[in-house]
Amino acid sequence: QSILEDIKGRVNNVLREYKTSKALSGNT
């Protein structure tokens, strides 16, 4: 369970980073 939670946390961090960069794309 703790391994799964750790991996899910890492995936969520990457997804947050992706969403942030996607929201900022096109900014001059």
mmCIF file of all heavy atoms, coordinates in Angstrom:
data_MODEL
# 
_entry.id   MODEL 
# 
loop_
_atom_site.group_PDB 
_atom_site.id 
_atom_site.type_symbol 
_atom_site.label_atom_id 
_atom_site.label_alt_id 
_atom_site.label_comp_id 
_atom_site.label_asym_id 
_atom_site.label_entity_id 
_atom_site.label_seq_id 
_atom_site.pdbx_PDB_ins_code 
_atom_site.Cartn_x 
_atom_site.Cartn_y 
_atom_site.Cartn_z 
_atom_site.occupancy 
_atom_site.B_iso_or_equiv 
_atom_site.pdbx_formal_charge 
_atom_site.auth_seq_id 
_atom_site.auth_comp_id 
_atom_site.auth_asym_id 
_atom_site.auth_atom_id 
_atom_site.pdbx_PDB_model_num 
ATOM 1   N N   . GLN A 1 1  ? 0.827  -1.204 0.000   1.00 0.00 ? 1  GLN A N   1 
ATOM 2   C CA  . GLN A 1 1  ? 0.000  0.000  0.000   1.00 0.00 ? 1  GLN A CA  1 
ATOM 3   C C   . GLN A 1 1  ? 0.867  1.262  0.000   1.00 0.00 ? 1  GLN A C   1 
ATOM 4   O O   . GLN A 1 1  ? 0.597  2.203  -0.737  1.00 0.00 ? 1  GLN A O   1 
ATOM 5   C CB  . GLN A 1 1  ? -0.950 0.011  1.202   1.00 0.00 ? 1  GLN A CB  1 
ATOM 6   C CG  . GLN A 1 1  ? -1.891 1.202  1.240   1.00 0.00 ? 1  GLN A CG  1 
ATOM 7   C CD  . GLN A 1 1  ? -2.848 1.240  0.054   1.00 0.00 ? 1  GLN A CD  1 
ATOM 8   O OE1 . GLN A 1 1  ? -3.284 0.205  -0.443  1.00 0.00 ? 1  GLN A OE1 1 
ATOM 9   N NE2 . GLN A 1 1  ? -3.167 2.434  -0.411  1.00 0.00 ? 1  GLN A NE2 1 
ATOM 10  N N   . SER A 1 2  ? 1.923  1.271  0.816   1.00 0.00 ? 2  SER A N   1 
ATOM 11  C CA  . SER A 1 2  ? 2.770  2.459  0.871   1.00 0.00 ? 2  SER A CA  1 
ATOM 12  C C   . SER A 1 2  ? 3.563  2.634  -0.427  1.00 0.00 ? 2  SER A C   1 
ATOM 13  O O   . SER A 1 2  ? 3.802  3.755  -0.863  1.00 0.00 ? 2  SER A O   1 
ATOM 14  C CB  . SER A 1 2  ? 3.707  2.425  2.083   1.00 0.00 ? 2  SER A CB  1 
ATOM 15  O OG  . SER A 1 2  ? 4.594  1.338  2.005   1.00 0.00 ? 2  SER A OG  1 
ATOM 16  N N   . ILE A 1 3  ? 3.940  1.533  -1.066  1.00 0.00 ? 3  ILE A N   1 
ATOM 17  C CA  . ILE A 1 3  ? 4.628  1.613  -2.366  1.00 0.00 ? 3  ILE A CA  1 
ATOM 18  C C   . ILE A 1 3  ? 3.688  2.218  -3.393  1.00 0.00 ? 3  ILE A C   1 
ATOM 19  O O   . ILE A 1 3  ? 4.059  3.119  -4.149  1.00 0.00 ? 3  ILE A O   1 
ATOM 20  C CB  . ILE A 1 3  ? 5.128  0.225  -2.814  1.00 0.00 ? 3  ILE A CB  1 
ATOM 21  C CG1 . ILE A 1 3  ? 6.238  -0.261 -1.885  1.00 0.00 ? 3  ILE A CG1 1 
ATOM 22  C CG2 . ILE A 1 3  ? 5.588  0.257  -4.269  1.00 0.00 ? 3  ILE A CG2 1 
ATOM 23  C CD1 . ILE A 1 3  ? 6.634  -1.717 -2.089  1.00 0.00 ? 3  ILE A CD1 1 
ATOM 24  N N   . LEU A 1 4  ? 2.458  1.732  -3.405  1.00 0.00 ? 4  LEU A N   1 
ATOM 25  C CA  . LEU A 1 4  ? 1.454  2.246  -4.349  1.00 0.00 ? 4  LEU A CA  1 
ATOM 26  C C   . LEU A 1 4  ? 1.196  3.729  -4.108  1.00 0.00 ? 4  LEU A C   1 
ATOM 27  O O   . LEU A 1 4  ? 1.133  4.526  -5.058  1.00 0.00 ? 4  LEU A O   1 
ATOM 28  C CB  . LEU A 1 4  ? 0.157  1.447  -4.227  1.00 0.00 ? 4  LEU A CB  1 
ATOM 29  C CG  . LEU A 1 4  ? -0.970 1.808  -5.173  1.00 0.00 ? 4  LEU A CG  1 
ATOM 30  C CD1 . LEU A 1 4  ? -0.542 1.639  -6.624  1.00 0.00 ? 4  LEU A CD1 1 
ATOM 31  C CD2 . LEU A 1 4  ? -2.203 0.964  -4.884  1.00 0.00 ? 4  LEU A CD2 1 
ATOM 32  N N   . GLU A 1 5  ? 1.064  4.132  -2.853  1.00 0.00 ? 5  GLU A N   1 
ATOM 33  C CA  . GLU A 1 5  ? 0.839  5.547  -2.534  1.00 0.00 ? 5  GLU A CA  1 
ATOM 34  C C   . GLU A 1 5  ? 2.022  6.411  -2.960  1.00 0.00 ? 5  GLU A C   1 
ATOM 35  O O   . GLU A 1 5  ? 1.835  7.514  -3.475  1.00 0.00 ? 5  GLU A O   1 
ATOM 36  C CB  . GLU A 1 5  ? 0.557  5.707  -1.046  1.00 0.00 ? 5  GLU A CB  1 
ATOM 37  C CG  . GLU A 1 5  ? -0.801 5.187  -0.634  1.00 0.00 ? 5  GLU A CG  1 
ATOM 38  C CD  . GLU A 1 5  ? -1.012 5.192  0.869   1.00 0.00 ? 5  GLU A CD  1 
ATOM 39  O OE1 . GLU A 1 5  ? -0.197 5.788  1.601   1.00 0.00 ? 5  GLU A OE1 1 
ATOM 40  O OE2 . GLU A 1 5  ? -2.000 4.582  1.321   1.00 0.00 ? 5  GLU A OE2 1 
ATOM 41  N N   . ASP A 1 6  ? 3.234  5.899  -2.780  1.00 0.00 ? 6  ASP A N   1 
ATOM 42  C CA  . ASP A 1 6  ? 4.426  6.639  -3.194  1.00 0.00 ? 6  ASP A CA  1 
ATOM 43  C C   . ASP A 1 6  ? 4.423  6.854  -4.711  1.00 0.00 ? 6  ASP A C   1 
ATOM 44  O O   . ASP A 1 6  ? 4.658  7.965  -5.185  1.00 0.00 ? 6  ASP A O   1 
ATOM 45  C CB  . ASP A 1 6  ? 5.687  5.881  -2.768  1.00 0.00 ? 6  ASP A CB  1 
ATOM 46  C CG  . ASP A 1 6  ? 6.947  6.589  -3.201  1.00 0.00 ? 6  ASP A CG  1 
ATOM 47  O OD1 . ASP A 1 6  ? 7.311  7.598  -2.551  1.00 0.00 ? 6  ASP A OD1 1 
ATOM 48  O OD2 . ASP A 1 6  ? 7.569  6.158  -4.197  1.00 0.00 ? 6  ASP A OD2 1 
ATOM 49  N N   . ILE A 1 7  ? 4.164  5.799  -5.450  1.00 0.00 ? 7  ILE A N   1 
ATOM 50  C CA  . ILE A 1 7  ? 4.157  5.906  -6.914  1.00 0.00 ? 7  ILE A CA  1 
ATOM 51  C C   . ILE A 1 7  ? 3.026  6.819  -7.387  1.00 0.00 ? 7  ILE A C   1 
ATOM 52  O O   . ILE A 1 7  ? 3.225  7.655  -8.270  1.00 0.00 ? 7  ILE A O   1 
ATOM 53  C CB  . ILE A 1 7  ? 4.089  4.508  -7.559  1.00 0.00 ? 7  ILE A CB  1 
ATOM 54  C CG1 . ILE A 1 7  ? 5.400  3.766  -7.277  1.00 0.00 ? 7  ILE A CG1 1 
ATOM 55  C CG2 . ILE A 1 7  ? 3.814  4.604  -9.052  1.00 0.00 ? 7  ILE A CG2 1 
ATOM 56  C CD1 . ILE A 1 7  ? 5.404  2.316  -7.679  1.00 0.00 ? 7  ILE A CD1 1 
ATOM 57  N N   . LYS A 1 8  ? 1.855  6.696  -6.781  1.00 0.00 ? 8  LYS A N   1 
ATOM 58  C CA  . LYS A 1 8  ? 0.737  7.589  -7.145  1.00 0.00 ? 8  LYS A CA  1 
ATOM 59  C C   . LYS A 1 8  ? 1.106  9.047  -6.869  1.00 0.00 ? 8  LYS A C   1 
ATOM 60  O O   . LYS A 1 8  ? 0.782  9.935  -7.650  1.00 0.00 ? 8  LYS A O   1 
ATOM 61  C CB  . LYS A 1 8  ? -0.529 7.221  -6.362  1.00 0.00 ? 8  LYS A CB  1 
ATOM 62  C CG  . LYS A 1 8  ? -1.254 6.019  -6.899  1.00 0.00 ? 8  LYS A CG  1 
ATOM 63  C CD  . LYS A 1 8  ? -2.530 5.787  -6.090  1.00 0.00 ? 8  LYS A CD  1 
ATOM 64  C CE  . LYS A 1 8  ? -3.308 4.610  -6.591  1.00 0.00 ? 8  LYS A CE  1 
ATOM 65  N NZ  . LYS A 1 8  ? -4.540 4.382  -5.807  1.00 0.00 ? 8  LYS A NZ  1 
ATOM 66  N N   . GLY A 1 9  ? 1.790  9.297  -5.767  1.00 0.00 ? 9  GLY A N   1 
ATOM 67  C CA  . GLY A 1 9  ? 2.220  10.657 -5.442  1.00 0.00 ? 9  GLY A CA  1 
ATOM 68  C C   . GLY A 1 9  ? 3.180  11.203 -6.487  1.00 0.00 ? 9  GLY A C   1 
ATOM 69  O O   . GLY A 1 9  ? 3.079  12.367 -6.899  1.00 0.00 ? 9  GLY A O   1 
ATOM 70  N N   . ARG A 1 10 ? 4.109  10.364 -6.939  1.00 0.00 ? 10 ARG A N   1 
ATOM 71  C CA  . ARG A 1 10 ? 5.052  10.791 -7.978  1.00 0.00 ? 10 ARG A CA  1 
ATOM 72  C C   . ARG A 1 10 ? 4.320  11.101 -9.281  1.00 0.00 ? 10 ARG A C   1 
ATOM 73  O O   . ARG A 1 10 ? 4.617  12.099 -9.945  1.00 0.00 ? 10 ARG A O   1 
ATOM 74  C CB  . ARG A 1 10 ? 6.110  9.714  -8.219  1.00 0.00 ? 10 ARG A CB  1 
ATOM 75  C CG  . ARG A 1 10 ? 7.022  9.486  -7.037  1.00 0.00 ? 10 ARG A CG  1 
ATOM 76  C CD  . ARG A 1 10 ? 7.967  8.348  -7.321  1.00 0.00 ? 10 ARG A CD  1 
ATOM 77  N NE  . ARG A 1 10 ? 8.607  7.879  -6.099  1.00 0.00 ? 10 ARG A NE  1 
ATOM 78  C CZ  . ARG A 1 10 ? 9.847  7.443  -6.055  1.00 0.00 ? 10 ARG A CZ  1 
ATOM 79  N NH1 . ARG A 1 10 ? 10.591 7.422  -7.139  1.00 0.00 ? 10 ARG A NH1 1 
ATOM 80  N NH2 . ARG A 1 10 ? 10.365 7.019  -4.924  1.00 0.00 ? 10 ARG A NH2 1 
ATOM 81  N N   . VAL A 1 11 ? 3.374  10.246 -9.648  1.00 0.00 ? 11 VAL A N   1 
ATOM 82  C CA  . VAL A 1 11 ? 2.591  10.470 -10.875 1.00 0.00 ? 11 VAL A CA  1 
ATOM 83  C C   . VAL A 1 11 ? 1.796  11.765 -10.749 1.00 0.00 ? 11 VAL A C   1 
ATOM 84  O O   . VAL A 1 11 ? 1.759  12.582 -11.682 1.00 0.00 ? 11 VAL A O   1 
ATOM 85  C CB  . VAL A 1 11 ? 1.663  9.275  -11.178 1.00 0.00 ? 11 VAL A CB  1 
ATOM 86  C CG1 . VAL A 1 11 ? 0.666  9.609  -12.282 1.00 0.00 ? 11 VAL A CG1 1 
ATOM 87  C CG2 . VAL A 1 11 ? 2.482  8.037  -11.535 1.00 0.00 ? 11 VAL A CG2 1 
ATOM 88  N N   . ASN A 1 12 ? 1.178  11.990 -9.610  1.00 0.00 ? 12 ASN A N   1 
ATOM 89  C CA  . ASN A 1 12 ? 0.406  13.219 -9.404  1.00 0.00 ? 12 ASN A CA  1 
ATOM 90  C C   . ASN A 1 12 ? 1.286  14.465 -9.486  1.00 0.00 ? 12 ASN A C   1 
ATOM 91  O O   . ASN A 1 12 ? 0.859  15.493 -10.022 1.00 0.00 ? 12 ASN A O   1 
ATOM 92  C CB  . ASN A 1 12 ? -0.341 13.168 -8.073  1.00 0.00 ? 12 ASN A CB  1 
ATOM 93  C CG  . ASN A 1 12 ? -1.538 12.248 -8.127  1.00 0.00 ? 12 ASN A CG  1 
ATOM 94  O OD1 . ASN A 1 12 ? -2.121 12.029 -9.185  1.00 0.00 ? 12 ASN A OD1 1 
ATOM 95  N ND2 . ASN A 1 12 ? -1.904 11.679 -6.993  1.00 0.00 ? 12 ASN A ND2 1 
ATOM 96  N N   . ASN A 1 13 ? 2.512  14.394 -8.982  1.00 0.00 ? 13 ASN A N   1 
ATOM 97  C CA  . ASN A 1 13 ? 3.432  15.529 -9.098  1.00 0.00 ? 13 ASN A CA  1 
ATOM 98  C C   . ASN A 1 13 ? 3.729  15.842 -10.558 1.00 0.00 ? 13 ASN A C   1 
ATOM 99  O O   . ASN A 1 13 ? 3.746  17.007 -10.963 1.00 0.00 ? 13 ASN A O   1 
ATOM 100 C CB  . ASN A 1 13 ? 4.744  15.239 -8.357  1.00 0.00 ? 13 ASN A CB  1 
ATOM 101 C CG  . ASN A 1 13 ? 4.587  15.281 -6.859  1.00 0.00 ? 13 ASN A CG  1 
ATOM 102 O OD1 . ASN A 1 13 ? 3.627  15.836 -6.332  1.00 0.00 ? 13 ASN A OD1 1 
ATOM 103 N ND2 . ASN A 1 13 ? 5.529  14.672 -6.166  1.00 0.00 ? 13 ASN A ND2 1 
ATOM 104 N N   . VAL A 1 14 ? 3.964  14.808 -11.356 1.00 0.00 ? 14 VAL A N   1 
ATOM 105 C CA  . VAL A 1 14 ? 4.240  15.009 -12.779 1.00 0.00 ? 14 VAL A CA  1 
ATOM 106 C C   . VAL A 1 14 ? 3.008  15.587 -13.474 1.00 0.00 ? 14 VAL A C   1 
ATOM 107 O O   . VAL A 1 14 ? 3.119  16.501 -14.299 1.00 0.00 ? 14 VAL A O   1 
ATOM 108 C CB  . VAL A 1 14 ? 4.688  13.689 -13.437 1.00 0.00 ? 14 VAL A CB  1 
ATOM 109 C CG1 . VAL A 1 14 ? 4.741  13.823 -14.954 1.00 0.00 ? 14 VAL A CG1 1 
ATOM 110 C CG2 . VAL A 1 14 ? 6.037  13.258 -12.893 1.00 0.00 ? 14 VAL A CG2 1 
ATOM 111 N N   . LEU A 1 15 ? 1.831  15.079 -13.148 1.00 0.00 ? 15 LEU A N   1 
ATOM 112 C CA  . LEU A 1 15 ? 0.604  15.589 -13.762 1.00 0.00 ? 15 LEU A CA  1 
ATOM 113 C C   . LEU A 1 15 ? 0.369  17.055 -13.407 1.00 0.00 ? 15 LEU A C   1 
ATOM 114 O O   . LEU A 1 15 ? -0.033 17.851 -14.266 1.00 0.00 ? 15 LEU A O   1 
ATOM 115 C CB  . LEU A 1 15 ? -0.602 14.746 -13.337 1.00 0.00 ? 15 LEU A CB  1 
ATOM 116 C CG  . LEU A 1 15 ? -0.660 13.345 -13.928 1.00 0.00 ? 15 LEU A CG  1 
ATOM 117 C CD1 . LEU A 1 15 ? -1.815 12.556 -13.317 1.00 0.00 ? 15 LEU A CD1 1 
ATOM 118 C CD2 . LEU A 1 15 ? -0.766 13.389 -15.434 1.00 0.00 ? 15 LEU A CD2 1 
ATOM 119 N N   . ARG A 1 16 ? 0.644  17.437 -12.154 1.00 0.00 ? 16 ARG A N   1 
ATOM 120 C CA  . ARG A 1 16 ? 0.512  18.846 -11.754 1.00 0.00 ? 16 ARG A CA  1 
ATOM 121 C C   . ARG A 1 16 ? 1.465  19.723 -12.552 1.00 0.00 ? 16 ARG A C   1 
ATOM 122 O O   . ARG A 1 16 ? 1.104  20.800 -13.027 1.00 0.00 ? 16 ARG A O   1 
ATOM 123 C CB  . ARG A 1 16 ? 0.780  19.001 -10.257 1.00 0.00 ? 16 ARG A CB  1 
ATOM 124 C CG  . ARG A 1 16 ? -0.459 19.038 -9.411  1.00 0.00 ? 16 ARG A CG  1 
ATOM 125 C CD  . ARG A 1 16 ? -0.189 19.512 -7.982  1.00 0.00 ? 16 ARG A CD  1 
ATOM 126 N NE  . ARG A 1 16 ? 0.932  18.862 -7.328  1.00 0.00 ? 16 ARG A NE  1 
ATOM 127 C CZ  . ARG A 1 16 ? 0.871  17.680 -6.718  1.00 0.00 ? 16 ARG A CZ  1 
ATOM 128 N NH1 . ARG A 1 16 ? -0.266 17.020 -6.693  1.00 0.00 ? 16 ARG A NH1 1 
ATOM 129 N NH2 . ARG A 1 16 ? 1.937  17.168 -6.143  1.00 0.00 ? 16 ARG A NH2 1 
ATOM 130 N N   . GLU A 1 17 ? 2.700  19.247 -12.703 1.00 0.00 ? 17 GLU A N   1 
ATOM 131 C CA  . GLU A 1 17 ? 3.692  19.997 -13.467 1.00 0.00 ? 17 GLU A CA  1 
ATOM 132 C C   . GLU A 1 17 ? 3.244  20.137 -14.923 1.00 0.00 ? 17 GLU A C   1 
ATOM 133 O O   . GLU A 1 17 ? 3.357  21.211 -15.514 1.00 0.00 ? 17 GLU A O   1 
ATOM 134 C CB  . GLU A 1 17 ? 5.035  19.283 -13.404 1.00 0.00 ? 17 GLU A CB  1 
ATOM 135 C CG  . GLU A 1 17 ? 6.146  19.998 -14.130 1.00 0.00 ? 17 GLU A CG  1 
ATOM 136 C CD  . GLU A 1 17 ? 7.468  19.256 -14.032 1.00 0.00 ? 17 GLU A CD  1 
ATOM 137 O OE1 . GLU A 1 17 ? 7.714  18.565 -13.030 1.00 0.00 ? 17 GLU A OE1 1 
ATOM 138 O OE2 . GLU A 1 17 ? 8.255  19.384 -14.979 1.00 0.00 ? 17 GLU A OE2 1 
ATOM 139 N N   . TYR A 1 18 ? 2.719  19.068 -15.493 1.00 0.00 ? 18 TYR A N   1 
ATOM 140 C CA  . TYR A 1 18 ? 2.233  19.110 -16.875 1.00 0.00 ? 18 TYR A CA  1 
ATOM 141 C C   . TYR A 1 18 ? 1.075  20.100 -17.016 1.00 0.00 ? 18 TYR A C   1 
ATOM 142 O O   . TYR A 1 18 ? 1.056  20.920 -17.930 1.00 0.00 ? 18 TYR A O   1 
ATOM 143 C CB  . TYR A 1 18 ? 1.797  17.717 -17.344 1.00 0.00 ? 18 TYR A CB  1 
ATOM 144 C CG  . TYR A 1 18 ? 1.119  17.747 -18.683 1.00 0.00 ? 18 TYR A CG  1 
ATOM 145 C CD1 . TYR A 1 18 ? 1.868  17.912 -19.851 1.00 0.00 ? 18 TYR A CD1 1 
ATOM 146 C CD2 . TYR A 1 18 ? -0.258 17.645 -18.791 1.00 0.00 ? 18 TYR A CD2 1 
ATOM 147 C CE1 . TYR A 1 18 ? 1.253  17.963 -21.081 1.00 0.00 ? 18 TYR A CE1 1 
ATOM 148 C CE2 . TYR A 1 18 ? -0.877 17.698 -20.024 1.00 0.00 ? 18 TYR A CE2 1 
ATOM 149 C CZ  . TYR A 1 18 ? -0.119 17.852 -21.167 1.00 0.00 ? 18 TYR A CZ  1 
ATOM 150 O OH  . TYR A 1 18 ? -0.744 17.918 -22.382 1.00 0.00 ? 18 TYR A OH  1 
ATOM 151 N N   . LYS A 1 19 ? 0.115  20.025 -16.098 1.00 0.00 ? 19 LYS A N   1 
ATOM 152 C CA  . LYS A 1 19 ? -1.042 20.922 -16.164 1.00 0.00 ? 19 LYS A CA  1 
ATOM 153 C C   . LYS A 1 19 ? -0.608 22.381 -16.041 1.00 0.00 ? 19 LYS A C   1 
ATOM 154 O O   . LYS A 1 19 ? -1.134 23.253 -16.737 1.00 0.00 ? 19 LYS A O   1 
ATOM 155 C CB  . LYS A 1 19 ? -2.053 20.567 -15.070 1.00 0.00 ? 19 LYS A CB  1 
ATOM 156 C CG  . LYS A 1 19 ? -2.793 19.285 -15.340 1.00 0.00 ? 19 LYS A CG  1 
ATOM 157 C CD  . LYS A 1 19 ? -3.725 18.939 -14.184 1.00 0.00 ? 19 LYS A CD  1 
ATOM 158 C CE  . LYS A 1 19 ? -4.414 17.621 -14.414 1.00 0.00 ? 19 LYS A CE  1 
ATOM 159 N NZ  . LYS A 1 19 ? -5.292 17.251 -13.299 1.00 0.00 ? 19 LYS A NZ  1 
ATOM 160 N N   . THR A 1 20 ? 0.358  22.645 -15.169 1.00 0.00 ? 20 THR A N   1 
ATOM 161 C CA  . THR A 1 20 ? 0.852  24.010 -15.008 1.00 0.00 ? 20 THR A CA  1 
ATOM 162 C C   . THR A 1 20 ? 1.531  24.495 -16.281 1.00 0.00 ? 20 THR A C   1 
ATOM 163 O O   . THR A 1 20 ? 1.257  25.593 -16.759 1.00 0.00 ? 20 THR A O   1 
ATOM 164 C CB  . THR A 1 20 ? 1.844  24.097 -13.829 1.00 0.00 ? 20 THR A CB  1 
ATOM 165 O OG1 . THR A 1 20 ? 1.167  23.696 -12.637 1.00 0.00 ? 20 THR A OG1 1 
ATOM 166 C CG2 . THR A 1 20 ? 2.392  25.500 -13.667 1.00 0.00 ? 20 THR A CG2 1 
ATOM 167 N N   . SER A 1 21 ? 2.392  23.659 -16.857 1.00 0.00 ? 21 SER A N   1 
ATOM 168 C CA  . SER A 1 21 ? 3.084  24.083 -18.075 1.00 0.00 ? 21 SER A CA  1 
ATOM 169 C C   . SER A 1 21 ? 2.108  24.225 -19.230 1.00 0.00 ? 21 SER A C   1 
ATOM 170 O O   . SER A 1 21 ? 2.253  25.124 -20.060 1.00 0.00 ? 21 SER A O   1 
ATOM 171 C CB  . SER A 1 21 ? 4.213  23.112 -18.433 1.00 0.00 ? 21 SER A CB  1 
ATOM 172 O OG  . SER A 1 21 ? 3.710  21.842 -18.739 1.00 0.00 ? 21 SER A OG  1 
ATOM 173 N N   . LYS A 1 22 ? 1.102  23.386 -19.284 1.00 0.00 ? 22 LYS A N   1 
ATOM 174 C CA  . LYS A 1 22 ? 0.079  23.487 -20.339 1.00 0.00 ? 22 LYS A CA  1 
ATOM 175 C C   . LYS A 1 22 ? -0.702 24.789 -20.191 1.00 0.00 ? 22 LYS A C   1 
ATOM 176 O O   . LYS A 1 22 ? -0.993 25.468 -21.179 1.00 0.00 ? 22 LYS A O   1 
ATOM 177 C CB  . LYS A 1 22 ? -0.857 22.283 -20.262 1.00 0.00 ? 22 LYS A CB  1 
ATOM 178 C CG  . LYS A 1 22 ? -1.771 22.138 -21.418 1.00 0.00 ? 22 LYS A CG  1 
ATOM 179 C CD  . LYS A 1 22 ? -1.007 21.690 -22.628 1.00 0.00 ? 22 LYS A CD  1 
ATOM 180 C CE  . LYS A 1 22 ? -1.975 21.392 -23.747 1.00 0.00 ? 22 LYS A CE  1 
ATOM 181 N NZ  . LYS A 1 22 ? -1.328 21.423 -25.048 1.00 0.00 ? 22 LYS A NZ  1 
ATOM 182 N N   . ALA A 1 23 ? -1.021 25.165 -18.969 1.00 0.00 ? 23 ALA A N   1 
ATOM 183 C CA  . ALA A 1 23 ? -1.769 26.397 -18.726 1.00 0.00 ? 23 ALA A CA  1 
ATOM 184 C C   . ALA A 1 23 ? -0.944 27.629 -19.091 1.00 0.00 ? 23 ALA A C   1 
ATOM 185 O O   . ALA A 1 23 ? -1.492 28.661 -19.479 1.00 0.00 ? 23 ALA A O   1 
ATOM 186 C CB  . ALA A 1 23 ? -2.199 26.478 -17.267 1.00 0.00 ? 23 ALA A CB  1 
ATOM 187 N N   . LEU A 1 24 ? 0.376  27.522 -18.989 1.00 0.00 ? 24 LEU A N   1 
ATOM 188 C CA  . LEU A 1 24 ? 1.248  28.649 -19.285 1.00 0.00 ? 24 LEU A CA  1 
ATOM 189 C C   . LEU A 1 24 ? 1.710  28.699 -20.733 1.00 0.00 ? 24 LEU A C   1 
ATOM 190 O O   . LEU A 1 24 ? 2.337  29.672 -21.152 1.00 0.00 ? 24 LEU A O   1 
ATOM 191 C CB  . LEU A 1 24 ? 2.465  28.625 -18.366 1.00 0.00 ? 24 LEU A CB  1 
ATOM 192 C CG  . LEU A 1 24 ? 2.165  28.785 -16.876 1.00 0.00 ? 24 LEU A CG  1 
ATOM 193 C CD1 . LEU A 1 24 ? 3.431  28.535 -16.066 1.00 0.00 ? 24 LEU A CD1 1 
ATOM 194 C CD2 . LEU A 1 24 ? 1.592  30.137 -16.582 1.00 0.00 ? 24 LEU A CD2 1 
ATOM 195 N N   . SER A 1 25 ? 1.423  27.646 -21.513 1.00 0.00 ? 25 SER A N   1 
ATOM 196 C CA  . SER A 1 25 ? 1.890  27.610 -22.903 1.00 0.00 ? 25 SER A CA  1 
ATOM 197 C C   . SER A 1 25 ? 1.248  28.769 -23.681 1.00 0.00 ? 25 SER A C   1 
ATOM 198 O O   . SER A 1 25 ? 0.107  29.151 -23.454 1.00 0.00 ? 25 SER A O   1 
ATOM 199 C CB  . SER A 1 25 ? 1.581  26.279 -23.566 1.00 0.00 ? 25 SER A CB  1 
ATOM 200 O OG  . SER A 1 25 ? 0.198  26.115 -23.737 1.00 0.00 ? 25 SER A OG  1 
ATOM 201 N N   . GLY A 1 26 ? 2.011  29.318 -24.573 1.00 0.00 ? 26 GLY A N   1 
ATOM 202 C CA  . GLY A 1 26 ? 1.530  30.443 -25.357 1.00 0.00 ? 26 GLY A CA  1 
ATOM 203 C C   . GLY A 1 26 ? 1.819  31.782 -24.721 1.00 0.00 ? 26 GLY A C   1 
ATOM 204 O O   . GLY A 1 26 ? 1.630  32.821 -25.346 1.00 0.00 ? 26 GLY A O   1 
ATOM 205 N N   . ASN A 1 27 ? 2.293  31.796 -23.484 1.00 0.00 ? 27 ASN A N   1 
ATOM 206 C CA  . ASN A 1 27 ? 2.650  33.040 -22.801 1.00 0.00 ? 27 ASN A CA  1 
ATOM 207 C C   . ASN A 1 27 ? 3.975  33.518 -23.393 1.00 0.00 ? 27 ASN A C   1 
ATOM 208 O O   . ASN A 1 27 ? 4.961  32.798 -23.385 1.00 0.00 ? 27 ASN A O   1 
ATOM 209 C CB  . ASN A 1 27 ? 2.781  32.801 -21.298 1.00 0.00 ? 27 ASN A CB  1 
ATOM 210 C CG  . ASN A 1 27 ? 3.014  34.066 -20.525 1.00 0.00 ? 27 ASN A CG  1 
ATOM 211 O OD1 . ASN A 1 27 ? 3.745  34.953 -20.961 1.00 0.00 ? 27 ASN A OD1 1 
ATOM 212 N ND2 . ASN A 1 27 ? 2.390  34.153 -19.369 1.00 0.00 ? 27 ASN A ND2 1 
ATOM 213 N N   . THR A 1 28 ? 3.993  34.720 -23.902 1.00 0.00 ? 28 THR A N   1 
ATOM 214 C CA  . THR A 1 28 ? 5.197  35.242 -24.580 1.00 0.00 ? 28 THR A CA  1 
ATOM 215 C C   . THR A 1 28 ? 6.373  35.446 -23.629 1.00 0.00 ? 28 THR A C   1 
ATOM 216 O O   . THR A 1 28 ? 7.499  35.592 -24.089 1.00 0.00 ? 28 THR A O   1 
ATOM 217 C CB  . THR A 1 28 ? 4.879  36.583 -25.281 1.00 0.00 ? 28 THR A CB  1 
ATOM 218 O OG1 . THR A 1 28 ? 4.378  37.499 -24.306 1.00 0.00 ? 28 THR A OG1 1 
ATOM 219 C CG2 . THR A 1 28 ? 3.866  36.396 -26.369 1.00 0.00 ? 28 THR A CG2 1 
# 
